[in-house]
């Protein structure tokens, strides 16, 4: 019983770190993309900097989502992901929770992840054939990758929300508490925009 709870808590700690980082990167990435129209002049002052930041954020988002949803297709890859988390809960249900959880609840969460298969397939192509490895088809051809595997903000946000809700559901059942997956001042970048706006006005 003690070992099962230790492993469960290890899952929670890892998910708290990964999902908080993912959520913050996504919020900042979305904010910067919206700023491309409202703050274009400011961003053009440091075009290289903002390009690198946007690319790095997107890479982090894709890689982290893939890590969280590994094994969605039944292939065994990483040790700590949502699918293995749910399997572990199913196998150690009575040893982890004060009150045993109905298997129907766990299966519903597994089915919810399966429903995301179409989106996940596209995201895994981004990781496996462009970001982590280089496929000849997409070598120096980002446009082709985007056309073949289009991903939008709503799809990314939906996967993040499912991860947050899934982890918090079992966190609450375990210790009647939940994780806040937010970082304070994620929009500190606006302070840089403010300084760049002042520079534009004074130039």
N, C-alpha and C. Protein backbone atom coordinates (compact mmCIF):
# COMPACT_ATOMS: atom_id res chain seq x y z
N UNK A 1 0.82 -1.21 0.00
CA UNK A 1 0.00 0.00 0.00
C UNK A 1 0.86 1.26 0.00
N UNK A 2 1.90 1.26 0.86
CA UNK A 2 2.77 2.42 0.97
C UNK A 2 3.50 2.70 -0.33
N UNK A 3 3.99 1.63 -0.99
CA UNK A 3 4.72 1.78 -2.25
C UNK A 3 3.82 2.31 -3.37
N UNK A 4 2.59 1.83 -3.37
CA UNK A 4 1.62 2.29 -4.39
C UNK A 4 1.34 3.77 -4.23
N UNK A 5 1.18 4.20 -3.00
CA UNK A 5 0.92 5.62 -2.75
C UNK A 5 2.13 6.49 -3.09
N UNK A 6 3.32 5.96 -2.80
CA UNK A 6 4.54 6.69 -3.15
C UNK A 6 4.65 6.91 -4.65
N UNK A 7 4.36 5.85 -5.40
CA UNK A 7 4.43 5.96 -6.85
C UNK A 7 3.35 6.90 -7.38
N UNK A 8 2.17 6.84 -6.79
CA UNK A 8 1.09 7.74 -7.19
C UNK A 8 1.50 9.19 -6.96
N UNK A 9 2.10 9.47 -5.81
CA UNK A 9 2.55 10.83 -5.49
C UNK A 9 3.67 11.28 -6.42
N UNK A 10 4.49 10.33 -6.86
CA UNK A 10 5.54 10.64 -7.83
C UNK A 10 4.92 11.08 -9.16
N UNK A 11 3.86 10.39 -9.56
CA UNK A 11 3.12 10.79 -10.76
C UNK A 11 2.61 12.21 -10.60
N UNK A 12 1.97 12.50 -9.47
CA UNK A 12 1.40 13.83 -9.24
C UNK A 12 2.46 14.93 -9.31
N UNK A 13 3.61 14.68 -8.69
CA UNK A 13 4.69 15.67 -8.68
C UNK A 13 5.21 15.94 -10.08
N UNK A 14 5.39 14.87 -10.85
CA UNK A 14 5.88 15.02 -12.23
C UNK A 14 4.87 15.75 -13.09
N UNK A 15 3.60 15.38 -12.96
CA UNK A 15 2.55 16.05 -13.73
C UNK A 15 2.43 17.52 -13.35
N UNK A 16 2.56 17.82 -12.08
CA UNK A 16 2.47 19.22 -11.65
C UNK A 16 3.54 20.06 -12.33
N UNK A 17 4.76 19.54 -12.37
CA UNK A 17 5.86 20.26 -13.02
C UNK A 17 5.63 20.40 -14.52
N UNK A 18 5.32 19.28 -15.18
CA UNK A 18 5.20 19.27 -16.64
C UNK A 18 3.99 20.08 -17.13
N UNK A 19 2.86 19.89 -16.48
CA UNK A 19 1.64 20.57 -16.96
C UNK A 19 1.68 22.06 -16.64
N UNK A 20 2.27 22.44 -15.50
CA UNK A 20 2.41 23.86 -15.18
C UNK A 20 3.30 24.54 -16.20
N UNK A 21 4.41 23.90 -16.53
CA UNK A 21 5.31 24.44 -17.55
C UNK A 21 4.61 24.52 -18.91
N UNK A 22 3.90 23.46 -19.27
CA UNK A 22 3.17 23.42 -20.54
C UNK A 22 2.11 24.51 -20.61
N UNK A 23 1.33 24.63 -19.56
CA UNK A 23 0.25 25.61 -19.52
C UNK A 23 0.80 27.03 -19.66
N UNK A 24 1.91 27.31 -18.97
CA UNK A 24 2.52 28.64 -19.01
C UNK A 24 3.10 28.94 -20.39
N UNK A 25 3.76 27.95 -20.98
CA UNK A 25 4.32 28.13 -22.33
C UNK A 25 3.21 28.38 -23.35
N UNK A 26 2.11 27.65 -23.21
CA UNK A 26 1.01 27.83 -24.14
C UNK A 26 0.39 29.22 -24.00
N UNK A 27 0.16 29.66 -22.76
CA UNK A 27 -0.41 30.99 -22.53
C UNK A 27 0.47 32.09 -23.13
N UNK A 28 1.78 31.96 -22.92
CA UNK A 28 2.71 32.95 -23.44
C UNK A 28 2.79 32.89 -24.96
N UNK A 29 2.79 31.67 -25.51
CA UNK A 29 2.83 31.50 -26.96
C UNK A 29 1.61 32.13 -27.62
N UNK A 30 0.45 31.88 -27.04
CA UNK A 30 -0.80 32.45 -27.57
C UNK A 30 -0.78 33.97 -27.45
N UNK A 31 -0.31 34.47 -26.33
CA UNK A 31 -0.23 35.93 -26.09
C UNK A 31 0.70 36.60 -27.11
N UNK A 32 1.85 35.99 -27.37
CA UNK A 32 2.80 36.55 -28.32
C UNK A 32 2.26 36.51 -29.74
N UNK A 33 1.53 35.45 -30.08
CA UNK A 33 0.94 35.38 -31.42
C UNK A 33 -0.12 36.46 -31.62
N UNK A 34 -0.89 36.73 -30.58
CA UNK A 34 -1.87 37.82 -30.67
C UNK A 34 -1.16 39.17 -30.79
N UNK A 35 0.01 39.25 -30.18
CA UNK A 35 0.79 40.50 -30.20
C UNK A 35 1.40 40.78 -31.57
N UNK A 36 1.44 39.75 -32.44
CA UNK A 36 2.01 39.95 -33.78
C UNK A 36 1.26 41.03 -34.56
N UNK A 37 -0.02 41.22 -34.22
CA UNK A 37 -0.78 42.29 -34.89
C UNK A 37 -0.77 43.58 -34.08
N UNK A 38 -0.96 43.47 -32.78
CA UNK A 38 -1.06 44.68 -31.95
C UNK A 38 0.31 45.27 -31.58
N UNK A 39 1.37 44.43 -31.59
CA UNK A 39 2.71 44.89 -31.18
C UNK A 39 3.76 44.60 -32.25
N UNK A 40 3.33 44.56 -33.50
CA UNK A 40 4.25 44.17 -34.57
C UNK A 40 5.48 45.06 -34.62
N UNK A 41 5.30 46.39 -34.50
CA UNK A 41 6.44 47.31 -34.59
C UNK A 41 7.45 47.04 -33.48
N UNK A 42 6.93 46.79 -32.28
CA UNK A 42 7.82 46.50 -31.16
C UNK A 42 8.59 45.19 -31.39
N UNK A 43 7.88 44.18 -31.91
CA UNK A 43 8.51 42.89 -32.13
C UNK A 43 9.54 42.93 -33.26
N UNK A 44 9.35 43.84 -34.20
CA UNK A 44 10.30 43.95 -35.30
C UNK A 44 11.61 44.59 -34.87
N UNK A 45 11.60 45.30 -33.74
CA UNK A 45 12.85 45.86 -33.20
C UNK A 45 13.80 44.72 -32.80
N UNK A 46 13.21 43.65 -32.29
CA UNK A 46 14.01 42.48 -31.87
C UNK A 46 13.45 41.23 -32.56
N UNK A 47 13.42 41.27 -33.88
CA UNK A 47 12.79 40.20 -34.67
C UNK A 47 13.42 38.83 -34.41
N UNK A 48 14.74 38.78 -34.36
CA UNK A 48 15.43 37.50 -34.13
C UNK A 48 15.07 36.93 -32.76
N UNK A 49 15.06 37.80 -31.74
CA UNK A 49 14.74 37.37 -30.38
C UNK A 49 13.34 36.77 -30.31
N UNK A 50 12.35 37.48 -30.84
CA UNK A 50 10.97 37.01 -30.75
C UNK A 50 10.74 35.76 -31.60
N UNK A 51 11.43 35.65 -32.73
CA UNK A 51 11.31 34.45 -33.56
C UNK A 51 11.82 33.22 -32.81
N UNK A 52 12.98 33.38 -32.17
CA UNK A 52 13.55 32.27 -31.39
C UNK A 52 12.64 31.90 -30.23
N UNK A 53 12.09 32.90 -29.55
CA UNK A 53 11.19 32.65 -28.40
C UNK A 53 9.95 31.90 -28.85
N UNK A 54 9.33 32.34 -29.94
CA UNK A 54 8.12 31.68 -30.43
C UNK A 54 8.41 30.23 -30.85
N UNK A 55 9.52 30.02 -31.56
CA UNK A 55 9.89 28.66 -31.97
C UNK A 55 10.18 27.77 -30.77
N UNK A 56 10.86 28.32 -29.79
CA UNK A 56 11.20 27.54 -28.58
C UNK A 56 9.95 27.17 -27.79
N UNK A 57 9.02 28.11 -27.68
CA UNK A 57 7.78 27.84 -26.95
C UNK A 57 6.97 26.76 -27.65
N UNK A 58 6.86 26.86 -28.97
CA UNK A 58 6.10 25.85 -29.73
C UNK A 58 6.75 24.47 -29.59
N UNK A 59 8.07 24.43 -29.68
CA UNK A 59 8.77 23.15 -29.52
C UNK A 59 8.50 22.54 -28.15
N UNK A 60 8.58 23.37 -27.12
CA UNK A 60 8.32 22.91 -25.75
C UNK A 60 6.90 22.38 -25.61
N UNK A 61 5.95 23.09 -26.19
CA UNK A 61 4.54 22.69 -26.12
C UNK A 61 4.33 21.32 -26.78
N UNK A 62 4.85 21.17 -27.99
CA UNK A 62 4.68 19.91 -28.73
C UNK A 62 5.35 18.75 -28.00
N UNK A 63 6.59 18.95 -27.57
CA UNK A 63 7.34 17.88 -26.90
C UNK A 63 6.65 17.46 -25.60
N UNK A 64 6.17 18.44 -24.83
CA UNK A 64 5.55 18.13 -23.53
C UNK A 64 4.21 17.43 -23.72
N UNK A 65 3.41 17.88 -24.68
CA UNK A 65 2.13 17.21 -24.95
C UNK A 65 2.39 15.76 -25.35
N UNK A 66 3.39 15.54 -26.19
CA UNK A 66 3.72 14.17 -26.60
C UNK A 66 4.14 13.32 -25.40
N UNK A 67 4.92 13.91 -24.51
CA UNK A 67 5.35 13.16 -23.32
C UNK A 67 4.15 12.80 -22.44
N UNK A 68 3.21 13.72 -22.30
CA UNK A 68 2.03 13.48 -21.47
C UNK A 68 1.11 12.41 -22.07
N UNK A 69 1.03 12.39 -23.41
CA UNK A 69 0.08 11.50 -24.07
C UNK A 69 0.74 10.29 -24.74
N UNK A 70 2.01 10.02 -24.43
CA UNK A 70 2.66 8.82 -24.95
C UNK A 70 1.78 7.61 -24.65
N UNK A 71 1.89 6.61 -25.51
CA UNK A 71 1.14 5.35 -25.34
C UNK A 71 -0.34 5.49 -25.68
N UNK A 72 -0.76 6.65 -26.22
CA UNK A 72 -2.18 6.81 -26.59
C UNK A 72 -2.57 5.76 -27.63
N UNK A 73 -1.58 5.30 -28.40
CA UNK A 73 -1.85 4.33 -29.46
C UNK A 73 -1.45 2.91 -29.08
N UNK A 74 -1.17 2.70 -27.78
CA UNK A 74 -0.82 1.36 -27.31
C UNK A 74 0.65 1.03 -27.35
N UNK A 75 1.45 1.90 -28.00
CA UNK A 75 2.90 1.66 -28.07
C UNK A 75 3.55 2.14 -26.77
N UNK A 76 4.43 1.31 -26.23
CA UNK A 76 5.09 1.66 -24.97
C UNK A 76 6.31 2.53 -25.24
N UNK A 77 6.29 3.73 -24.71
CA UNK A 77 7.42 4.63 -24.90
C UNK A 77 7.96 5.10 -23.56
N UNK A 78 7.30 6.08 -22.95
CA UNK A 78 7.81 6.64 -21.69
C UNK A 78 7.15 5.99 -20.48
N UNK A 79 7.76 6.21 -19.32
CA UNK A 79 7.26 5.63 -18.07
C UNK A 79 6.13 6.45 -17.45
N UNK A 80 6.28 7.78 -17.50
CA UNK A 80 5.29 8.63 -16.82
C UNK A 80 4.48 9.40 -17.85
N UNK A 81 3.26 8.95 -18.07
CA UNK A 81 2.33 9.64 -18.96
C UNK A 81 0.91 9.35 -18.48
N UNK A 82 -0.06 10.01 -19.07
CA UNK A 82 -1.44 9.89 -18.59
C UNK A 82 -2.00 8.48 -18.73
N UNK A 83 -1.62 7.80 -19.80
CA UNK A 83 -2.14 6.45 -20.01
C UNK A 83 -1.61 5.47 -18.97
N UNK A 84 -0.32 5.55 -18.69
CA UNK A 84 0.25 4.68 -17.66
C UNK A 84 -0.27 5.06 -16.28
N UNK A 85 -0.51 6.33 -16.09
CA UNK A 85 -1.09 6.83 -14.83
C UNK A 85 -2.45 6.18 -14.59
N UNK A 86 -3.29 6.18 -15.61
CA UNK A 86 -4.63 5.60 -15.48
C UNK A 86 -4.56 4.08 -15.31
N UNK A 87 -3.64 3.45 -16.02
CA UNK A 87 -3.46 1.99 -15.85
C UNK A 87 -3.00 1.66 -14.43
N UNK A 88 -2.09 2.46 -13.92
CA UNK A 88 -1.58 2.26 -12.56
C UNK A 88 -2.70 2.41 -11.53
N UNK A 89 -3.55 3.42 -11.72
CA UNK A 89 -4.68 3.63 -10.81
C UNK A 89 -5.63 2.44 -10.87
N UNK A 90 -5.88 1.96 -12.08
CA UNK A 90 -6.78 0.82 -12.27
C UNK A 90 -6.26 -0.42 -11.53
N UNK A 91 -4.95 -0.63 -11.60
CA UNK A 91 -4.35 -1.83 -11.00
C UNK A 91 -4.15 -1.70 -9.49
N UNK A 92 -4.07 -0.46 -8.98
CA UNK A 92 -3.76 -0.25 -7.56
C UNK A 92 -4.83 0.57 -6.84
N UNK A 93 -5.99 0.57 -7.43
CA UNK A 93 -7.12 1.37 -6.95
C UNK A 93 -7.31 1.32 -5.43
N UNK A 94 -7.48 0.14 -4.91
CA UNK A 94 -7.82 -0.03 -3.49
C UNK A 94 -6.66 0.31 -2.56
N UNK A 95 -5.44 0.27 -3.09
CA UNK A 95 -4.27 0.55 -2.25
C UNK A 95 -3.91 2.04 -2.21
N UNK A 96 -4.50 2.82 -3.12
CA UNK A 96 -4.16 4.24 -3.20
C UNK A 96 -5.19 5.13 -2.53
N UNK A 97 -6.46 4.90 -2.84
CA UNK A 97 -7.50 5.84 -2.44
C UNK A 97 -8.23 5.41 -1.18
N UNK A 98 -8.65 6.40 -0.38
CA UNK A 98 -9.42 6.09 0.83
C UNK A 98 -10.68 5.30 0.52
N UNK A 99 -11.33 5.70 -0.61
CA UNK A 99 -12.51 4.96 -1.08
C UNK A 99 -12.23 4.49 -2.51
N UNK A 100 -12.46 3.23 -2.74
CA UNK A 100 -12.18 2.66 -4.06
C UNK A 100 -12.97 3.39 -5.16
N UNK A 101 -12.31 3.62 -6.29
CA UNK A 101 -12.94 4.33 -7.41
C UNK A 101 -13.60 3.31 -8.34
N UNK A 102 -14.75 3.68 -8.86
CA UNK A 102 -15.43 2.81 -9.82
C UNK A 102 -14.60 2.76 -11.11
N UNK A 103 -14.42 1.55 -11.63
CA UNK A 103 -13.61 1.38 -12.84
C UNK A 103 -14.22 2.11 -14.04
N UNK A 104 -15.50 2.33 -13.97
CA UNK A 104 -16.20 3.06 -15.04
C UNK A 104 -15.60 4.46 -15.20
N UNK A 105 -15.26 5.11 -14.08
CA UNK A 105 -14.69 6.46 -14.10
C UNK A 105 -13.33 6.45 -14.79
N UNK A 106 -12.50 5.47 -14.45
CA UNK A 106 -11.16 5.36 -15.05
C UNK A 106 -11.29 5.10 -16.55
N UNK A 107 -12.19 4.21 -16.92
CA UNK A 107 -12.39 3.88 -18.34
C UNK A 107 -12.89 5.07 -19.14
N UNK A 108 -13.73 5.90 -18.52
CA UNK A 108 -14.21 7.10 -19.20
C UNK A 108 -13.06 8.06 -19.51
N UNK A 109 -12.10 8.16 -18.58
CA UNK A 109 -10.93 9.02 -18.82
C UNK A 109 -10.04 8.44 -19.92
N UNK A 110 -9.92 7.12 -19.96
CA UNK A 110 -9.16 6.49 -21.03
C UNK A 110 -9.81 6.74 -22.39
N UNK A 111 -11.13 6.66 -22.41
CA UNK A 111 -11.87 6.89 -23.65
C UNK A 111 -11.73 8.34 -24.12
N UNK A 112 -11.71 9.26 -23.18
CA UNK A 112 -11.55 10.68 -23.51
C UNK A 112 -10.22 10.92 -24.22
N UNK A 113 -9.18 10.25 -23.75
CA UNK A 113 -7.87 10.37 -24.39
C UNK A 113 -7.90 9.74 -25.79
N UNK A 114 -8.56 8.60 -25.92
CA UNK A 114 -8.67 7.95 -27.24
C UNK A 114 -9.37 8.83 -28.26
N UNK A 115 -10.32 9.63 -27.78
CA UNK A 115 -11.06 10.54 -28.68
C UNK A 115 -10.15 11.60 -29.29
N UNK A 116 -9.00 11.83 -28.67
CA UNK A 116 -8.08 12.87 -29.15
C UNK A 116 -7.08 12.31 -30.17
N UNK A 117 -7.30 11.06 -30.58
CA UNK A 117 -6.31 10.37 -31.42
C UNK A 117 -5.96 11.12 -32.69
N UNK A 118 -6.96 11.70 -33.36
CA UNK A 118 -6.70 12.42 -34.62
C UNK A 118 -5.75 13.58 -34.40
N UNK A 119 -6.00 14.37 -33.36
CA UNK A 119 -5.13 15.51 -33.05
C UNK A 119 -3.75 15.03 -32.61
N UNK A 120 -3.72 13.99 -31.77
CA UNK A 120 -2.45 13.48 -31.27
C UNK A 120 -1.58 12.93 -32.40
N UNK A 121 -2.19 12.29 -33.37
CA UNK A 121 -1.42 11.76 -34.51
C UNK A 121 -0.68 12.89 -35.22
N UNK A 122 -1.34 14.03 -35.39
CA UNK A 122 -0.71 15.18 -36.05
C UNK A 122 0.43 15.73 -35.20
N UNK A 123 0.19 15.84 -33.91
CA UNK A 123 1.21 16.39 -33.00
C UNK A 123 2.43 15.48 -32.94
N UNK A 124 2.21 14.16 -32.95
CA UNK A 124 3.34 13.23 -32.91
C UNK A 124 4.14 13.27 -34.21
N UNK A 125 3.50 13.60 -35.33
CA UNK A 125 4.24 13.78 -36.58
C UNK A 125 5.17 14.99 -36.43
N UNK A 126 4.67 16.07 -35.84
CA UNK A 126 5.51 17.25 -35.62
C UNK A 126 6.74 16.88 -34.80
N UNK A 127 6.53 16.09 -33.75
CA UNK A 127 7.67 15.73 -32.90
C UNK A 127 8.60 14.74 -33.60
N UNK A 128 8.02 13.66 -34.13
CA UNK A 128 8.83 12.55 -34.63
C UNK A 128 9.47 12.80 -35.99
N UNK A 129 8.85 13.70 -36.79
CA UNK A 129 9.38 13.90 -38.14
C UNK A 129 9.92 15.30 -38.39
N UNK A 130 9.89 16.13 -37.34
CA UNK A 130 10.41 17.49 -37.55
C UNK A 130 11.23 18.01 -36.37
N UNK A 131 10.69 17.90 -35.16
CA UNK A 131 11.37 18.48 -34.00
C UNK A 131 12.44 17.56 -33.41
N UNK A 132 12.08 16.31 -33.14
CA UNK A 132 13.03 15.39 -32.51
C UNK A 132 13.89 14.67 -33.56
N UNK A 133 13.32 14.42 -34.72
CA UNK A 133 14.03 13.76 -35.82
C UNK A 133 13.71 14.51 -37.10
N UNK A 134 14.49 14.28 -38.14
CA UNK A 134 14.26 15.00 -39.39
C UNK A 134 13.85 14.04 -40.49
N UNK A 135 12.63 14.21 -40.96
CA UNK A 135 12.13 13.41 -42.07
C UNK A 135 12.46 14.15 -43.38
N UNK A 136 12.92 13.42 -44.39
CA UNK A 136 13.31 14.06 -45.66
C UNK A 136 12.19 14.89 -46.26
N UNK A 137 10.96 14.44 -46.05
CA UNK A 137 9.80 15.16 -46.63
C UNK A 137 9.69 16.57 -46.07
N UNK A 138 10.05 16.73 -44.78
CA UNK A 138 9.87 18.03 -44.14
C UNK A 138 11.18 18.78 -43.89
N UNK A 139 12.28 18.24 -44.41
CA UNK A 139 13.57 18.90 -44.24
C UNK A 139 13.52 20.28 -44.91
N UNK A 140 13.72 21.31 -44.10
CA UNK A 140 13.67 22.69 -44.58
C UNK A 140 12.34 23.03 -45.24
N UNK A 141 11.28 22.35 -44.84
CA UNK A 141 9.97 22.59 -45.45
C UNK A 141 8.88 22.61 -44.38
N UNK A 142 8.92 23.62 -43.53
CA UNK A 142 7.96 23.75 -42.45
C UNK A 142 6.54 23.94 -42.98
N UNK A 143 6.43 24.63 -44.11
CA UNK A 143 5.11 24.89 -44.70
C UNK A 143 4.40 23.57 -45.03
N UNK A 144 5.15 22.63 -45.59
CA UNK A 144 4.56 21.33 -45.94
C UNK A 144 4.09 20.59 -44.70
N UNK A 145 4.90 20.66 -43.64
CA UNK A 145 4.53 20.03 -42.36
C UNK A 145 3.22 20.60 -41.85
N UNK A 146 3.09 21.92 -41.88
CA UNK A 146 1.88 22.60 -41.40
C UNK A 146 0.66 22.26 -42.24
N UNK A 147 0.87 22.13 -43.55
CA UNK A 147 -0.24 21.79 -44.45
C UNK A 147 -0.70 20.35 -44.26
N UNK A 148 0.26 19.44 -44.07
CA UNK A 148 -0.08 18.02 -43.91
C UNK A 148 -0.66 17.71 -42.54
N UNK A 149 -0.22 18.47 -41.54
CA UNK A 149 -0.61 18.20 -40.15
C UNK A 149 -1.00 19.50 -39.44
N UNK A 150 -2.08 20.15 -39.90
CA UNK A 150 -2.46 21.43 -39.30
C UNK A 150 -2.91 21.30 -37.84
N UNK A 151 -2.36 22.15 -36.99
CA UNK A 151 -2.72 22.17 -35.57
C UNK A 151 -3.14 23.59 -35.22
N UNK A 152 -4.24 23.73 -34.48
CA UNK A 152 -4.66 25.07 -34.08
C UNK A 152 -4.62 25.23 -32.56
N UNK A 153 -4.80 26.46 -32.12
CA UNK A 153 -4.72 26.78 -30.69
C UNK A 153 -5.76 26.00 -29.88
N UNK A 154 -6.97 25.87 -30.43
CA UNK A 154 -8.05 25.18 -29.70
C UNK A 154 -7.69 23.72 -29.43
N UNK A 155 -7.07 23.07 -30.41
CA UNK A 155 -6.69 21.67 -30.24
C UNK A 155 -5.63 21.52 -29.15
N UNK A 156 -4.64 22.41 -29.16
CA UNK A 156 -3.59 22.35 -28.14
C UNK A 156 -4.17 22.62 -26.76
N UNK A 157 -5.02 23.64 -26.68
CA UNK A 157 -5.60 24.00 -25.38
C UNK A 157 -6.49 22.87 -24.85
N UNK A 158 -7.22 22.23 -25.74
CA UNK A 158 -8.09 21.12 -25.33
C UNK A 158 -7.28 20.00 -24.70
N UNK A 159 -6.13 19.65 -25.29
CA UNK A 159 -5.28 18.59 -24.74
C UNK A 159 -4.71 18.99 -23.39
N UNK A 160 -4.37 20.26 -23.24
CA UNK A 160 -3.85 20.75 -21.95
C UNK A 160 -4.94 20.67 -20.89
N UNK A 161 -6.15 21.07 -21.23
CA UNK A 161 -7.26 21.04 -20.27
C UNK A 161 -7.61 19.61 -19.86
N UNK A 162 -7.58 18.68 -20.81
CA UNK A 162 -7.86 17.28 -20.49
C UNK A 162 -6.81 16.76 -19.50
N UNK A 163 -5.55 17.10 -19.74
CA UNK A 163 -4.48 16.66 -18.83
C UNK A 163 -4.68 17.24 -17.44
N UNK A 164 -5.00 18.52 -17.36
CA UNK A 164 -5.22 19.17 -16.06
C UNK A 164 -6.40 18.54 -15.32
N UNK A 165 -7.49 18.36 -16.02
CA UNK A 165 -8.70 17.81 -15.40
C UNK A 165 -8.50 16.37 -14.95
N UNK A 166 -7.79 15.58 -15.76
CA UNK A 166 -7.56 14.17 -15.42
C UNK A 166 -6.73 14.05 -14.16
N UNK A 167 -5.62 14.77 -14.11
CA UNK A 167 -4.73 14.70 -12.94
C UNK A 167 -5.44 15.22 -11.69
N UNK A 168 -6.14 16.34 -11.82
CA UNK A 168 -6.81 16.92 -10.65
C UNK A 168 -7.97 16.08 -10.14
N UNK A 169 -8.61 15.34 -11.02
CA UNK A 169 -9.70 14.46 -10.58
C UNK A 169 -9.19 13.46 -9.55
N UNK A 170 -8.05 12.83 -9.86
CA UNK A 170 -7.52 11.80 -8.97
C UNK A 170 -6.74 12.39 -7.79
N UNK A 171 -6.23 13.58 -7.98
CA UNK A 171 -5.59 14.29 -6.86
C UNK A 171 -6.63 14.60 -5.80
N UNK A 172 -7.80 15.05 -6.24
CA UNK A 172 -8.89 15.38 -5.30
C UNK A 172 -9.42 14.12 -4.60
N UNK A 173 -9.54 13.05 -5.35
CA UNK A 173 -10.01 11.79 -4.76
C UNK A 173 -9.00 11.23 -3.75
N UNK A 174 -7.73 11.54 -3.97
CA UNK A 174 -6.66 11.02 -3.11
C UNK A 174 -6.51 11.82 -1.82
N UNK A 175 -6.50 13.15 -1.93
CA UNK A 175 -6.25 13.96 -0.73
C UNK A 175 -7.16 15.18 -0.62
N UNK A 176 -8.29 15.13 -1.34
CA UNK A 176 -9.27 16.22 -1.29
C UNK A 176 -8.62 17.58 -1.53
N UNK A 177 -7.75 17.62 -2.52
CA UNK A 177 -7.05 18.85 -2.87
C UNK A 177 -6.83 18.85 -4.38
N UNK A 178 -6.42 19.97 -4.93
CA UNK A 178 -6.15 20.01 -6.36
C UNK A 178 -4.91 20.86 -6.63
N UNK A 179 -4.36 20.69 -7.81
CA UNK A 179 -3.14 21.39 -8.22
C UNK A 179 -3.51 22.61 -9.04
N UNK A 180 -2.86 23.73 -8.76
CA UNK A 180 -3.03 24.94 -9.57
C UNK A 180 -1.91 24.95 -10.61
N UNK A 181 -2.26 24.79 -11.86
CA UNK A 181 -1.26 24.68 -12.92
C UNK A 181 -0.95 26.03 -13.56
N UNK A 182 -0.82 27.06 -12.77
CA UNK A 182 -0.56 28.40 -13.29
C UNK A 182 0.67 28.99 -12.64
N UNK A 183 1.38 29.81 -13.41
CA UNK A 183 2.52 30.57 -12.88
C UNK A 183 2.11 32.04 -12.84
N UNK A 184 2.41 32.68 -11.73
CA UNK A 184 2.09 34.11 -11.59
C UNK A 184 2.95 34.90 -12.57
N UNK A 185 2.38 35.96 -13.12
CA UNK A 185 3.11 36.88 -14.01
C UNK A 185 3.62 36.21 -15.29
N UNK A 186 2.82 35.32 -15.85
CA UNK A 186 3.22 34.67 -17.09
C UNK A 186 3.30 35.68 -18.24
N UNK A 187 2.64 36.83 -18.07
CA UNK A 187 2.65 37.86 -19.12
C UNK A 187 3.62 38.99 -18.81
N UNK A 188 4.70 38.69 -18.11
CA UNK A 188 5.73 39.69 -17.84
C UNK A 188 6.32 40.28 -19.12
N UNK A 189 6.16 39.58 -20.22
CA UNK A 189 6.67 40.05 -21.51
C UNK A 189 6.11 41.42 -21.86
N UNK A 190 4.94 41.75 -21.29
CA UNK A 190 4.34 43.06 -21.56
C UNK A 190 5.22 44.19 -21.04
N UNK A 191 6.03 43.92 -20.02
CA UNK A 191 6.97 44.94 -19.53
C UNK A 191 8.01 45.26 -20.60
N UNK A 192 8.42 44.24 -21.35
CA UNK A 192 9.37 44.46 -22.44
C UNK A 192 8.70 45.25 -23.56
N UNK A 193 7.45 44.90 -23.87
CA UNK A 193 6.72 45.64 -24.89
C UNK A 193 6.58 47.12 -24.51
N UNK A 194 6.34 47.36 -23.24
CA UNK A 194 6.19 48.73 -22.75
C UNK A 194 7.48 49.52 -23.01
N UNK A 195 8.62 48.91 -22.71
CA UNK A 195 9.92 49.57 -22.92
C UNK A 195 10.18 49.80 -24.41
N UNK A 196 9.81 48.81 -25.24
CA UNK A 196 10.00 48.94 -26.68
C UNK A 196 9.10 50.03 -27.27
N UNK A 197 7.89 50.15 -26.73
CA UNK A 197 6.96 51.19 -27.19
C UNK A 197 7.54 52.58 -26.87
N UNK A 198 8.11 52.71 -25.68
CA UNK A 198 8.74 53.98 -25.29
C UNK A 198 9.91 54.32 -26.22
N UNK A 199 10.68 53.28 -26.55
CA UNK A 199 11.83 53.50 -27.46
C UNK A 199 11.35 53.97 -28.83
N UNK A 200 10.24 53.36 -29.31
CA UNK A 200 9.69 53.77 -30.61
C UNK A 200 9.24 55.23 -30.60
N UNK A 201 8.60 55.63 -29.50
CA UNK A 201 8.10 57.00 -29.38
C UNK A 201 9.23 58.01 -29.31
N UNK A 202 10.35 57.60 -28.72
CA UNK A 202 11.47 58.51 -28.53
C UNK A 202 12.43 58.55 -29.72
N UNK A 203 12.23 57.60 -30.64
CA UNK A 203 13.16 57.54 -31.78
C UNK A 203 12.73 58.46 -32.92
